[in-house]
Amino acid sequence: MNIQQRIYKKLLQVPKGQITTYGELAKAVGLKNGQRAVGKILNKNPYPVIIPCHRVVMSTGKIGGYAYGEHVKTKMLNNEGVEIKNGKILDLENIIHRF
C-alpha cells in the first residue's frame, strides 16, 4: 500500500462531525513532520465524496485549504455539525479525532 492509500484509508476513520489535523494524519501513517505532504496528497484526492478530506484542518484550528475552495469546505463541515467562526474551528479539542 503506498502512502496516498495509507492516508486515504486512515482518513476514512474520521467520523462525520469530527475533524483531524494534517499533523495528526501524518503521524498516524508514520510521516514525521509530514503535514505538508499530507496536504499535497489530499489536494489531489480523486474521491472527495468518499474520502472526507474536508475533515482535515490545521493544528491552529484554521480550516486550511480545499481544492474546491475554503467556502465549500466550511459549508461541508457546517453541514456535519462542526461550528466555524472567522475561518476557525470552534471547540477544536472536543471534536478532534486522534488516531
Protein backbone atom coordinates (compact mmCIF):
# COMPACT_ATOMS: atom_id res chain seq x y z
CA MET A 1 0.00 0.00 0.00
CA ASN A 2 1.52 3.36 -0.97
CA ILE A 3 1.48 6.49 1.20
CA GLN A 4 -1.55 8.02 -0.57
CA GLN A 5 -3.57 4.87 0.03
CA ARG A 6 -2.48 4.74 3.68
CA ILE A 7 -3.52 8.38 4.18
CA TYR A 8 -6.90 7.88 2.47
CA LYS A 9 -7.59 4.69 4.43
CA LYS A 10 -6.71 6.35 7.75
CA LEU A 11 -8.87 9.36 6.90
CA LEU A 12 -11.90 7.09 6.47
CA GLN A 13 -11.75 6.55 10.26
CA VAL A 14 -12.63 10.20 11.00
CA PRO A 15 -16.38 10.24 11.69
CA LYS A 16 -18.85 12.82 10.48
CA GLY A 17 -18.92 15.80 12.84
CA GLN A 18 -15.28 15.40 13.83
CA ILE A 19 -12.03 16.68 12.35
CA THR A 20 -8.36 15.80 12.47
CA THR A 21 -5.25 17.81 11.64
CA TYR A 22 -2.72 17.42 8.86
CA GLY A 23 -0.10 16.67 11.53
CA GLU A 24 -2.23 14.02 13.31
CA LEU A 25 -2.88 12.29 9.99
CA ALA A 26 0.81 12.41 9.05
CA LYS A 27 1.80 10.95 12.41
CA ALA A 28 -0.86 8.21 12.08
CA VAL A 29 0.70 6.95 8.83
CA GLY A 30 4.29 7.28 10.04
CA LEU A 31 5.29 10.52 8.29
CA LYS A 32 7.42 12.54 10.70
CA ASN A 33 6.74 16.26 10.13
CA GLY A 34 4.67 15.22 7.11
CA GLN A 35 1.78 17.68 7.38
CA ARG A 36 2.69 19.46 4.12
CA ALA A 37 3.00 16.13 2.31
CA VAL A 38 -0.43 15.15 3.61
CA GLY A 39 -1.88 18.46 2.37
CA LYS A 40 -0.43 17.94 -1.10
CA ILE A 41 -1.78 14.40 -1.28
CA LEU A 42 -5.25 15.45 -0.09
CA ASN A 43 -5.28 18.26 -2.64
CA LYS A 44 -5.19 15.58 -5.33
CA ASN A 45 -7.82 13.34 -3.70
CA PRO A 46 -9.60 11.65 -6.65
CA TYR A 47 -12.58 10.64 -4.47
CA PRO A 48 -13.58 13.71 -2.38
CA VAL A 49 -17.12 12.39 -1.89
CA ILE A 50 -15.81 9.10 -0.47
CA ILE A 51 -12.53 10.18 1.18
CA PRO A 52 -13.54 13.02 3.55
CA CYS A 53 -10.50 15.29 3.12
CA HIS A 54 -12.66 18.26 4.18
CA ARG A 55 -12.36 16.90 7.74
CA VAL A 56 -8.64 17.71 7.89
CA VAL A 57 -7.74 21.12 9.33
CA MET A 58 -4.66 23.00 10.53
CA SER A 59 -3.41 22.39 14.08
CA THR A 60 -4.22 26.03 14.88
CA GLY A 61 -7.90 25.34 14.24
CA LYS A 62 -7.96 27.23 10.95
CA ILE A 63 -9.81 25.23 8.32
CA GLY A 64 -6.95 25.31 5.83
CA GLY A 65 -7.19 24.93 2.10
CA TYR A 66 -9.51 22.83 0.00
CA ALA A 67 -9.31 22.00 -3.71
CA TYR A 68 -12.87 23.28 -4.23
CA GLY A 69 -12.44 26.41 -2.12
CA GLU A 70 -12.49 27.14 1.59
CA HIS A 71 -16.12 28.25 1.40
CA VAL A 72 -17.11 24.75 0.20
CA LYS A 73 -15.06 23.12 2.98
CA THR A 74 -16.68 25.40 5.56
CA LYS A 75 -20.17 24.57 4.29
CA MET A 76 -19.46 20.83 4.31
CA LEU A 77 -18.14 20.96 7.87
CA ASN A 78 -21.10 23.12 8.98
CA ASN A 79 -23.46 20.56 7.46
CA GLU A 80 -21.80 17.90 9.61
CA GLY A 81 -22.32 19.98 12.76
CA VAL A 82 -18.82 21.49 13.03
CA GLU A 83 -19.01 25.11 14.16
CA ILE A 84 -16.68 27.58 12.46
CA LYS A 85 -16.23 31.27 13.13
CA ASN A 86 -13.91 33.54 11.12
CA GLY A 87 -12.35 30.53 9.40
CA LYS A 88 -11.55 28.76 12.67
CA ILE A 89 -12.99 25.62 14.22
CA LEU A 90 -14.79 26.30 17.49
CA ASP A 91 -14.39 23.75 20.30
CA LEU A 92 -11.45 22.12 18.47
CA GLU A 93 -10.28 19.94 21.37
CA ASN A 94 -13.69 18.33 21.78
CA ILE A 95 -14.22 17.37 18.14
CA ILE A 96 -10.70 16.40 17.12
CA HIS A 97 -10.22 12.76 16.15
CA ARG A 98 -6.91 11.33 17.30
CA PHE A 99 -5.78 8.01 15.87
